[in-house]
PDB file of all heavy atoms in Angstrom:
ATOM      1  N   ARG A   1     -11.700 -17.129 -25.573  1.00  0.00           N
ATOM      2  CA  ARG A   1     -10.933 -15.902 -25.470  1.00  0.00           C
ATOM      3  C   ARG A   1      -9.821 -16.080 -24.436  1.00  0.00           C
ATOM      4  O   ARG A   1      -9.919 -16.903 -23.526  1.00  0.00           O
ATOM      5  CB  ARG A   1     -11.832 -14.734 -25.048  1.00  0.00           C
ATOM      6  CG  ARG A   1     -12.492 -14.905 -23.696  1.00  0.00           C
ATOM      7  CD  ARG A   1     -13.490 -13.786 -23.438  1.00  0.00           C
ATOM      8  NE  ARG A   1     -14.219 -13.990 -22.185  1.00  0.00           N
ATOM      9  CZ  ARG A   1     -15.276 -13.284 -21.800  1.00  0.00           C
ATOM     10  NH1 ARG A   1     -15.743 -12.331 -22.593  1.00  0.00           N
ATOM     11  NH2 ARG A   1     -15.875 -13.519 -20.647  1.00  0.00           N
ATOM     12  N   GLY A   2      -8.775 -15.296 -24.587  1.00  0.00           N
ATOM     13  CA  GLY A   2      -7.676 -15.371 -23.636  1.00  0.00           C
ATOM     14  C   GLY A   2      -6.751 -14.178 -23.801  1.00  0.00           C
ATOM     15  O   GLY A   2      -6.744 -13.507 -24.844  1.00  0.00           O
ATOM     16  N   SER A   3      -5.998 -13.890 -22.773  1.00  0.00           N
ATOM     17  CA  SER A   3      -5.047 -12.786 -22.831  1.00  0.00           C
ATOM     18  C   SER A   3      -3.913 -13.037 -21.855  1.00  0.00           C
ATOM     19  O   SER A   3      -4.073 -13.771 -20.861  1.00  0.00           O
ATOM     20  CB  SER A   3      -5.721 -11.446 -22.509  1.00  0.00           C
ATOM     21  OG  SER A   3      -6.123 -11.405 -21.158  1.00  0.00           O
ATOM     22  N   VAL A   4      -2.765 -12.428 -22.134  1.00  0.00           N
ATOM     23  CA  VAL A   4      -1.614 -12.480 -21.244  1.00  0.00           C
ATOM     24  C   VAL A   4      -0.892 -11.138 -21.367  1.00  0.00           C
ATOM     25  O   VAL A   4      -0.830 -10.553 -22.458  1.00  0.00           O
ATOM     26  CB  VAL A   4      -0.682 -13.663 -21.590  1.00  0.00           C
ATOM     27  CG1 VAL A   4      -0.133 -13.535 -23.009  1.00  0.00           C
ATOM     28  CG2 VAL A   4       0.450 -13.774 -20.579  1.00  0.00           C
ATOM     29  N   GLY A   5      -0.401 -10.642 -20.270  1.00  0.00           N
ATOM     30  CA  GLY A   5       0.291  -9.358 -20.315  1.00  0.00           C
ATOM     31  C   GLY A   5       0.926  -9.053 -18.975  1.00  0.00           C
ATOM     32  O   GLY A   5       0.884  -9.861 -18.027  1.00  0.00           O
ATOM     33  N   SER A   6       1.513  -7.896 -18.884  1.00  0.00           N
ATOM     34  CA  SER A   6       2.112  -7.440 -17.639  1.00  0.00           C
ATOM     35  C   SER A   6       1.540  -6.083 -17.259  1.00  0.00           C
ATOM     36  O   SER A   6       1.104  -5.314 -18.118  1.00  0.00           O
ATOM     37  CB  SER A   6       3.637  -7.342 -17.767  1.00  0.00           C
ATOM     38  OG  SER A   6       4.006  -6.345 -18.699  1.00  0.00           O
ATOM     39  N   THR A   7       1.512  -5.801 -15.957  1.00  0.00           N
ATOM     40  CA  THR A   7       0.982  -4.554 -15.456  1.00  0.00           C
ATOM     41  C   THR A   7       1.983  -3.930 -14.500  1.00  0.00           C
ATOM     42  O   THR A   7       2.920  -4.591 -14.024  1.00  0.00           O
ATOM     43  CB  THR A   7      -0.361  -4.742 -14.727  1.00  0.00           C
ATOM     44  OG1 THR A   7      -0.144  -5.597 -13.597  1.00  0.00           O
ATOM     45  CG2 THR A   7      -1.386  -5.374 -15.635  1.00  0.00           C
ATOM     46  N   PHE A   8       1.758  -2.666 -14.171  1.00  0.00           N
ATOM     47  CA  PHE A   8       2.717  -1.883 -13.391  1.00  0.00           C
ATOM     48  C   PHE A   8       1.942  -0.882 -12.551  1.00  0.00           C
ATOM     49  O   PHE A   8       0.985  -0.275 -13.034  1.00  0.00           O
ATOM     50  CB  PHE A   8       3.661  -1.173 -14.365  1.00  0.00           C
ATOM     51  CG  PHE A   8       4.549  -0.117 -13.757  1.00  0.00           C
ATOM     52  CD1 PHE A   8       5.815  -0.429 -13.336  1.00  0.00           C
ATOM     53  CD2 PHE A   8       4.118   1.197 -13.638  1.00  0.00           C
ATOM     54  CE1 PHE A   8       6.651   0.539 -12.804  1.00  0.00           C
ATOM     55  CE2 PHE A   8       4.938   2.176 -13.106  1.00  0.00           C
ATOM     56  CZ  PHE A   8       6.208   1.849 -12.682  1.00  0.00           C
ATOM     57  N   ARG A   9       2.330  -0.749 -11.280  1.00  0.00           N
ATOM     58  CA  ARG A   9       1.709   0.267 -10.416  1.00  0.00           C
ATOM     59  C   ARG A   9       2.795   0.936  -9.603  1.00  0.00           C
ATOM     60  O   ARG A   9       3.477   0.294  -8.798  1.00  0.00           O
ATOM     61  CB  ARG A   9       0.667  -0.361  -9.484  1.00  0.00           C
ATOM     62  CG  ARG A   9      -0.046   0.658  -8.589  1.00  0.00           C
ATOM     63  CD  ARG A   9      -1.279   0.043  -7.948  1.00  0.00           C
ATOM     64  NE  ARG A   9      -0.936  -0.923  -6.920  1.00  0.00           N
ATOM     65  CZ  ARG A   9      -0.971  -0.662  -5.601  1.00  0.00           C
ATOM     66  NH1 ARG A   9      -1.314   0.538  -5.177  1.00  0.00           N
ATOM     67  NH2 ARG A   9      -0.668  -1.596  -4.731  1.00  0.00           N
ATOM     68  N   GLY A  10       2.966   2.220  -9.832  1.00  0.00           N
ATOM     69  CA  GLY A  10       3.955   2.974  -9.069  1.00  0.00           C
ATOM     70  C   GLY A  10       3.416   3.358  -7.705  1.00  0.00           C
ATOM     71  O   GLY A  10       2.202   3.508  -7.516  1.00  0.00           O
ATOM     72  N   PRO A  11       4.282   3.504  -6.708  1.00  0.00           N
ATOM     73  CA  PRO A  11       3.826   3.917  -5.379  1.00  0.00           C
ATOM     74  C   PRO A  11       3.261   5.330  -5.403  1.00  0.00           C
ATOM     75  O   PRO A  11       3.668   6.170  -6.212  1.00  0.00           O
ATOM     76  CB  PRO A  11       5.091   3.840  -4.522  1.00  0.00           C
ATOM     77  CG  PRO A  11       6.225   3.917  -5.492  1.00  0.00           C
ATOM     78  CD  PRO A  11       5.748   3.297  -6.756  1.00  0.00           C
ATOM     79  N   ALA A  12       2.308   5.581  -4.522  1.00  0.00           N
ATOM     80  CA  ALA A  12       1.769   6.927  -4.374  1.00  0.00           C
ATOM     81  C   ALA A  12       2.842   7.857  -3.825  1.00  0.00           C
ATOM     82  O   ALA A  12       3.788   7.420  -3.169  1.00  0.00           O
ATOM     83  CB  ALA A  12       0.554   6.900  -3.445  1.00  0.00           C
ATOM     84  N   GLN A  13       2.679   9.145  -4.080  1.00  0.00           N
ATOM     85  CA  GLN A  13       3.676  10.095  -3.607  1.00  0.00           C
ATOM     86  C   GLN A  13       3.829  10.052  -2.084  1.00  0.00           C
ATOM     87  O   GLN A  13       4.940  10.170  -1.556  1.00  0.00           O
ATOM     88  CB  GLN A  13       3.296  11.512  -4.032  1.00  0.00           C
ATOM     89  CG  GLN A  13       3.349  11.741  -5.535  1.00  0.00           C
ATOM     90  CD  GLN A  13       3.171  13.206  -5.882  1.00  0.00           C
ATOM     91  OE1 GLN A  13       4.113  13.971  -5.865  1.00  0.00           O
ATOM     92  NE2 GLN A  13       1.954  13.582  -6.192  1.00  0.00           N
ATOM     93  N   THR A  14       2.729   9.882  -1.367  1.00  0.00           N
ATOM     94  CA  THR A  14       2.797   9.858   0.090  1.00  0.00           C
ATOM     95  C   THR A  14       3.506   8.614   0.608  1.00  0.00           C
ATOM     96  O   THR A  14       3.953   8.600   1.759  1.00  0.00           O
ATOM     97  CB  THR A  14       1.383   9.915   0.680  1.00  0.00           C
ATOM     98  OG1 THR A  14       0.566   8.892   0.072  1.00  0.00           O
ATOM     99  CG2 THR A  14       0.739  11.267   0.411  1.00  0.00           C
ATOM    100  N   GLN A  15       3.606   7.561  -0.220  1.00  0.00           N
ATOM    101  CA  GLN A  15       4.329   6.361   0.197  1.00  0.00           C
ATOM    102  C   GLN A  15       5.842   6.502   0.029  1.00  0.00           C
ATOM    103  O   GLN A  15       6.588   5.633   0.481  1.00  0.00           O
ATOM    104  CB  GLN A  15       3.844   5.151  -0.603  1.00  0.00           C
ATOM    105  CG  GLN A  15       2.398   4.768  -0.322  1.00  0.00           C
ATOM    106  CD  GLN A  15       1.937   3.621  -1.208  1.00  0.00           C
ATOM    107  OE1 GLN A  15       2.200   3.586  -2.405  1.00  0.00           O
ATOM    108  NE2 GLN A  15       1.237   2.666  -0.611  1.00  0.00           N
ATOM    109  N   LEU A  16       6.282   7.571  -0.603  1.00  0.00           N
ATOM    110  CA  LEU A  16       7.701   7.747  -0.887  1.00  0.00           C
ATOM    111  C   LEU A  16       8.387   8.711   0.080  1.00  0.00           C
ATOM    112  O   LEU A  16       9.589   8.914  -0.015  1.00  0.00           O
ATOM    113  CB  LEU A  16       7.892   8.256  -2.325  1.00  0.00           C
ATOM    114  CG  LEU A  16       7.455   7.295  -3.432  1.00  0.00           C
ATOM    115  CD1 LEU A  16       7.459   8.006  -4.779  1.00  0.00           C
ATOM    116  CD2 LEU A  16       8.380   6.074  -3.470  1.00  0.00           C
ATOM    117  N   VAL A  17       7.646   9.335   0.987  1.00  0.00           N
ATOM    118  CA  VAL A  17       8.234  10.299   1.925  1.00  0.00           C
ATOM    119  C   VAL A  17       8.312   9.676   3.308  1.00  0.00           C
ATOM    120  O   VAL A  17       7.424   8.914   3.728  1.00  0.00           O
ATOM    121  CB  VAL A  17       7.418  11.607   1.970  1.00  0.00           C
ATOM    122  CG1 VAL A  17       7.500  12.324   0.634  1.00  0.00           C
ATOM    123  CG2 VAL A  17       5.964  11.346   2.336  1.00  0.00           C
ATOM    124  N   ASN A  18       9.400   9.994   4.023  1.00  0.00           N
ATOM    125  CA  ASN A  18       9.626   9.431   5.347  1.00  0.00           C
ATOM    126  C   ASN A  18       8.879  10.245   6.394  1.00  0.00           C
ATOM    127  O   ASN A  18       9.456  10.856   7.296  1.00  0.00           O
ATOM    128  CB  ASN A  18      11.131   9.407   5.658  1.00  0.00           C
ATOM    129  CG  ASN A  18      11.427   8.654   6.942  1.00  0.00           C
ATOM    130  OD1 ASN A  18      10.700   7.730   7.305  1.00  0.00           O
ATOM    131  ND2 ASN A  18      12.466   9.054   7.643  1.00  0.00           N
ATOM    132  N   SER A  19       7.571  10.274   6.250  1.00  0.00           N
ATOM    133  CA  SER A  19       6.700  11.015   7.159  1.00  0.00           C
ATOM    134  C   SER A  19       5.544  10.097   7.537  1.00  0.00           C
ATOM    135  O   SER A  19       4.934   9.485   6.660  1.00  0.00           O
ATOM    136  CB  SER A  19       6.186  12.283   6.473  1.00  0.00           C
ATOM    137  OG  SER A  19       5.315  12.998   7.325  1.00  0.00           O
ATOM    138  N   PRO A  20       5.247   9.963   8.831  1.00  0.00           N
ATOM    139  CA  PRO A  20       4.260   8.956   9.234  1.00  0.00           C
ATOM    140  C   PRO A  20       2.823   9.407   9.088  1.00  0.00           C
ATOM    141  O   PRO A  20       2.505  10.594   9.160  1.00  0.00           O
ATOM    142  CB  PRO A  20       4.600   8.733  10.717  1.00  0.00           C
ATOM    143  CG  PRO A  20       5.133  10.055  11.172  1.00  0.00           C
ATOM    144  CD  PRO A  20       5.875  10.624   9.989  1.00  0.00           C
ATOM    145  N   THR A  21       1.982   8.422   8.867  1.00  0.00           N
ATOM    146  CA  THR A  21       0.540   8.577   8.997  1.00  0.00           C
ATOM    147  C   THR A  21       0.092   7.685  10.134  1.00  0.00           C
ATOM    148  O   THR A  21       0.426   6.498  10.164  1.00  0.00           O
ATOM    149  CB  THR A  21      -0.183   8.185   7.696  1.00  0.00           C
ATOM    150  OG1 THR A  21       0.259   9.031   6.637  1.00  0.00           O
ATOM    151  CG2 THR A  21      -1.685   8.325   7.856  1.00  0.00           C
ATOM    152  N   THR A  22      -0.630   8.249  11.092  1.00  0.00           N
ATOM    153  CA  THR A  22      -0.980   7.510  12.300  1.00  0.00           C
ATOM    154  C   THR A  22      -2.354   6.893  12.163  1.00  0.00           C
ATOM    155  O   THR A  22      -3.299   7.531  11.694  1.00  0.00           O
ATOM    156  CB  THR A  22      -0.939   8.438  13.524  1.00  0.00           C
ATOM    157  OG1 THR A  22       0.371   8.973  13.661  1.00  0.00           O
ATOM    158  CG2 THR A  22      -1.295   7.684  14.794  1.00  0.00           C
ATOM    159  N   GLY A  23      -2.456   5.626  12.587  1.00  0.00           N
ATOM    160  CA  GLY A  23      -3.731   4.931  12.600  1.00  0.00           C
ATOM    161  C   GLY A  23      -3.894   4.167  13.901  1.00  0.00           C
ATOM    162  O   GLY A  23      -2.928   3.934  14.636  1.00  0.00           O
ATOM    163  N   LEU A  24      -5.120   3.809  14.197  1.00  0.00           N
ATOM    164  CA  LEU A  24      -5.436   3.066  15.410  1.00  0.00           C
ATOM    165  C   LEU A  24      -6.012   1.714  15.014  1.00  0.00           C
ATOM    166  O   LEU A  24      -6.774   1.616  14.076  1.00  0.00           O
ATOM    167  CB  LEU A  24      -6.451   3.832  16.264  1.00  0.00           C
ATOM    168  CG  LEU A  24      -6.112   5.300  16.562  1.00  0.00           C
ATOM    169  CD1 LEU A  24      -7.273   5.969  17.274  1.00  0.00           C
ATOM    170  CD2 LEU A  24      -4.846   5.394  17.372  1.00  0.00           C
ATOM    171  N   ALA A  25      -5.603   0.672  15.731  1.00  0.00           N
ATOM    172  CA  ALA A  25      -6.091  -0.672  15.419  1.00  0.00           C
ATOM    173  C   ALA A  25      -6.275  -1.456  16.701  1.00  0.00           C
ATOM    174  O   ALA A  25      -5.449  -1.364  17.638  1.00  0.00           O
ATOM    175  CB  ALA A  25      -5.112  -1.396  14.490  1.00  0.00           C
ATOM    176  N   PHE A  26      -7.353  -2.228  16.757  1.00  0.00           N
ATOM    177  CA  PHE A  26      -7.563  -3.103  17.909  1.00  0.00           C
ATOM    178  C   PHE A  26      -6.465  -4.169  17.925  1.00  0.00           C
ATOM    179  O   PHE A  26      -6.192  -4.815  16.916  1.00  0.00           O
ATOM    180  CB  PHE A  26      -8.931  -3.776  17.852  1.00  0.00           C
ATOM    181  CG  PHE A  26      -9.213  -4.642  19.050  1.00  0.00           C
ATOM    182  CD1 PHE A  26      -9.630  -4.077  20.245  1.00  0.00           C
ATOM    183  CD2 PHE A  26      -9.032  -6.019  18.984  1.00  0.00           C
ATOM    184  CE1 PHE A  26      -9.873  -4.866  21.360  1.00  0.00           C
ATOM    185  CE2 PHE A  26      -9.274  -6.813  20.096  1.00  0.00           C
ATOM    186  CZ  PHE A  26      -9.690  -6.244  21.283  1.00  0.00           C
ATOM    187  N   THR A  27      -5.837  -4.330  19.070  1.00  0.00           N
ATOM    188  CA  THR A  27      -4.690  -5.221  19.203  1.00  0.00           C
ATOM    189  C   THR A  27      -5.024  -6.294  20.233  1.00  0.00           C
ATOM    190  O   THR A  27      -5.073  -6.010  21.439  1.00  0.00           O
ATOM    191  CB  THR A  27      -3.450  -4.425  19.644  1.00  0.00           C
ATOM    192  OG1 THR A  27      -3.248  -3.340  18.716  1.00  0.00           O
ATOM    193  CG2 THR A  27      -2.215  -5.296  19.671  1.00  0.00           C
ATOM    194  N   PRO A  28      -5.306  -7.533  19.794  1.00  0.00           N
ATOM    195  CA  PRO A  28      -5.737  -8.566  20.736  1.00  0.00           C
ATOM    196  C   PRO A  28      -4.782  -8.782  21.901  1.00  0.00           C
ATOM    197  O   PRO A  28      -5.226  -8.990  23.038  1.00  0.00           O
ATOM    198  CB  PRO A  28      -5.827  -9.825  19.839  1.00  0.00           C
ATOM    199  CG  PRO A  28      -6.083  -9.288  18.472  1.00  0.00           C
ATOM    200  CD  PRO A  28      -5.324  -8.002  18.393  1.00  0.00           C
ATOM    201  N   ALA A  29      -3.460  -8.715  21.638  1.00  0.00           N
ATOM    202  CA  ALA A  29      -2.500  -8.956  22.724  1.00  0.00           C
ATOM    203  C   ALA A  29      -2.630  -7.926  23.830  1.00  0.00           C
ATOM    204  O   ALA A  29      -2.347  -8.207  24.996  1.00  0.00           O
ATOM    205  CB  ALA A  29      -1.080  -8.947  22.171  1.00  0.00           C
ATOM    206  N   ALA A  30      -3.076  -6.701  23.478  1.00  0.00           N
ATOM    207  CA  ALA A  30      -3.229  -5.637  24.465  1.00  0.00           C
ATOM    208  C   ALA A  30      -4.649  -5.548  24.994  1.00  0.00           C
ATOM    209  O   ALA A  30      -4.907  -4.826  25.967  1.00  0.00           O
ATOM    210  CB  ALA A  30      -2.824  -4.308  23.850  1.00  0.00           C
TER     211      ALA A  30
END
């Protein structure tokens, strides 16, 4: 069996607005 094709994924609505989402991450340098 085998297949070949193309796929597509549009960005989420929240990824298209210039509004931040804040997250926290451990930063080794700090």
